[in-house]
Amino acid sequence: MDHLALAVSDQARSIRFYERYFGFEAEPEPREDGVRILHDEAGFSLAIGQIDEPVVLPPFFHFGRGADTPDDVRAFRGRVEADELEIVEWWDEPDYVSVKFRDPDGYVIEVGWEPLH
């Protein structure tokens, strides 16, 4: 998978969030339909489209990004805590380190590490 489209309530706020926490960079201009496309260094594309109705998701819905080391996850968790974002779940086990937190629209994002098998 190399792209994801998200419906958001405040496009500019979401762009700032994904730039700050995940290093995305927004294309300079929106598409004709108003959707903004962001890219990261790995070539992943994130489409951010603003909607007026509330975003409603099932409780299990989340998406994530892997980290290189357990300490990278722990450091990221510290950053999320320092910025007072809502942490949904935290795991720190020998073979699995993960933090799940919410973006401004309530999407749950996981940053995690586990050894390659």
Protein backbone atom coordinates (compact mmCIF):
# COMPACT_ATOMS: atom_id res chain seq x y z
CA MET A 1 0.00 0.00 0.00
CA ASP A 2 1.40 3.39 -0.88
CA HIS A 3 -1.36 5.91 -0.28
CA LEU A 4 -4.23 6.74 2.06
CA ALA A 5 -7.09 9.23 1.76
CA LEU A 6 -8.57 10.81 4.89
CA ALA A 7 -11.68 12.90 5.39
CA VAL A 8 -10.97 15.71 7.87
CA SER A 9 -12.84 18.60 9.47
CA ASP A 10 -10.02 21.16 9.15
CA GLN A 11 -7.69 20.58 6.23
CA ALA A 12 -5.02 23.10 7.22
CA ARG A 13 -4.84 21.72 10.78
CA SER A 14 -4.49 18.16 9.50
CA ILE A 15 -1.77 19.14 7.05
CA ARG A 16 0.20 20.78 9.88
CA PHE A 17 -0.29 17.67 12.05
CA TYR A 18 0.97 15.19 9.43
CA GLU A 19 3.88 17.45 8.48
CA ARG A 20 4.90 17.83 12.13
CA TYR A 21 4.59 14.25 13.33
CA PHE A 22 5.37 12.23 10.20
CA GLY A 23 7.47 14.49 7.98
CA PHE A 24 4.95 14.80 5.16
CA GLU A 25 5.24 17.69 2.73
CA ALA A 26 2.14 19.10 1.04
CA GLU A 27 2.03 19.76 -2.67
CA PRO A 28 1.85 23.54 -3.20
CA GLU A 29 -1.65 23.58 -4.69
CA PRO A 30 -4.83 21.59 -4.01
CA ARG A 31 -6.29 19.34 -6.67
CA GLU A 32 -9.30 20.53 -8.62
CA ASP A 33 -11.63 18.88 -6.06
CA GLY A 34 -9.91 20.70 -3.16
CA VAL A 35 -8.07 17.63 -1.86
CA ARG A 36 -4.51 18.29 -0.72
CA ILE A 37 -1.85 15.67 -1.41
CA LEU A 38 1.07 15.18 0.95
CA HIS A 39 4.15 13.01 0.38
CA ASP A 40 6.79 11.58 2.69
CA GLU A 41 10.40 10.60 2.00
CA ALA A 42 9.42 6.95 1.44
CA GLY A 43 7.05 7.92 -1.37
CA PHE A 44 3.84 7.43 0.60
CA SER A 45 1.02 9.77 -0.45
CA LEU A 46 -1.62 11.08 1.91
CA ALA A 47 -4.74 12.74 0.51
CA ILE A 48 -6.49 15.14 2.89
CA GLY A 49 -10.04 16.09 1.95
CA GLN A 50 -12.18 18.41 4.04
CA ILE A 51 -15.77 17.45 4.85
CA ASP A 52 -18.48 19.19 6.86
CA GLU A 53 -20.01 16.14 8.54
CA PRO A 54 -18.37 14.39 11.53
CA VAL A 55 -15.94 11.57 10.88
CA VAL A 56 -17.43 8.34 12.30
CA LEU A 57 -15.26 5.23 12.41
CA PRO A 58 -15.54 1.77 13.94
CA PRO A 59 -13.50 1.37 17.14
CA PHE A 60 -10.98 -1.01 15.57
CA PHE A 61 -10.03 1.36 12.73
CA HIS A 62 -6.46 2.61 12.81
CA PHE A 63 -3.44 2.98 10.58
CA GLY A 64 0.22 3.08 11.42
CA ARG A 65 3.84 3.42 10.66
CA GLY A 66 6.74 1.22 11.71
CA ALA A 67 9.70 2.48 13.68
CA ASP A 68 13.30 1.30 13.32
CA THR A 69 13.90 0.57 17.01
CA PRO A 70 11.97 0.23 20.29
CA ASP A 71 13.66 3.40 21.51
CA ASP A 72 12.33 5.29 18.48
CA VAL A 73 8.80 4.35 19.58
CA ARG A 74 9.49 5.34 23.17
CA ALA A 75 10.88 8.71 22.04
CA PHE A 76 7.88 9.26 19.78
CA ARG A 77 5.56 8.46 22.70
CA GLY A 78 7.40 11.05 24.79
CA ARG A 79 6.83 13.63 22.08
CA VAL A 80 3.12 12.75 21.85
CA GLU A 81 2.80 13.01 25.64
CA ALA A 82 4.68 16.31 25.77
CA ASP A 83 2.32 17.72 23.13
CA GLU A 84 -0.65 16.45 25.18
CA LEU A 85 -2.13 14.34 22.40
CA GLU A 86 -4.54 11.62 23.46
CA ILE A 87 -2.77 8.29 23.85
CA VAL A 88 -5.18 5.42 23.21
CA GLU A 89 -2.87 2.48 23.94
CA TRP A 90 0.73 1.83 24.91
CA TRP A 91 2.65 -1.45 24.77
CA ASP A 92 6.28 -2.00 25.78
CA GLU A 93 7.12 -5.69 25.51
CA PRO A 94 10.39 -7.38 24.48
CA ASP A 95 9.03 -8.20 21.00
CA TYR A 96 6.53 -5.37 20.52
CA VAL A 97 6.63 -1.66 21.34
CA SER A 98 3.71 0.48 20.21
CA VAL A 99 1.93 3.73 20.92
CA LYS A 100 -1.51 4.50 19.54
CA PHE A 101 -2.73 8.08 19.66
CA ARG A 102 -5.38 10.27 18.04
CA ASP A 103 -4.96 12.85 15.31
CA PRO A 104 -7.07 16.06 15.40
CA ASP A 105 -10.07 14.27 13.80
CA GLY A 106 -9.93 11.27 16.13
CA TYR A 107 -8.19 8.86 13.76
CA VAL A 108 -6.07 6.40 15.73
CA ILE A 109 -2.50 6.20 14.50
CA GLU A 110 -0.04 3.57 15.66
CA VAL A 111 3.72 3.95 15.70
CA GLY A 112 5.23 0.57 16.48
CA TRP A 113 8.21 -1.71 16.35
CA GLU A 114 8.53 -5.46 16.29
CA PRO A 115 11.44 -7.62 15.22
CA LEU A 116 11.48 -8.85 11.64
CA HIS A 117 10.69 -12.53 11.37
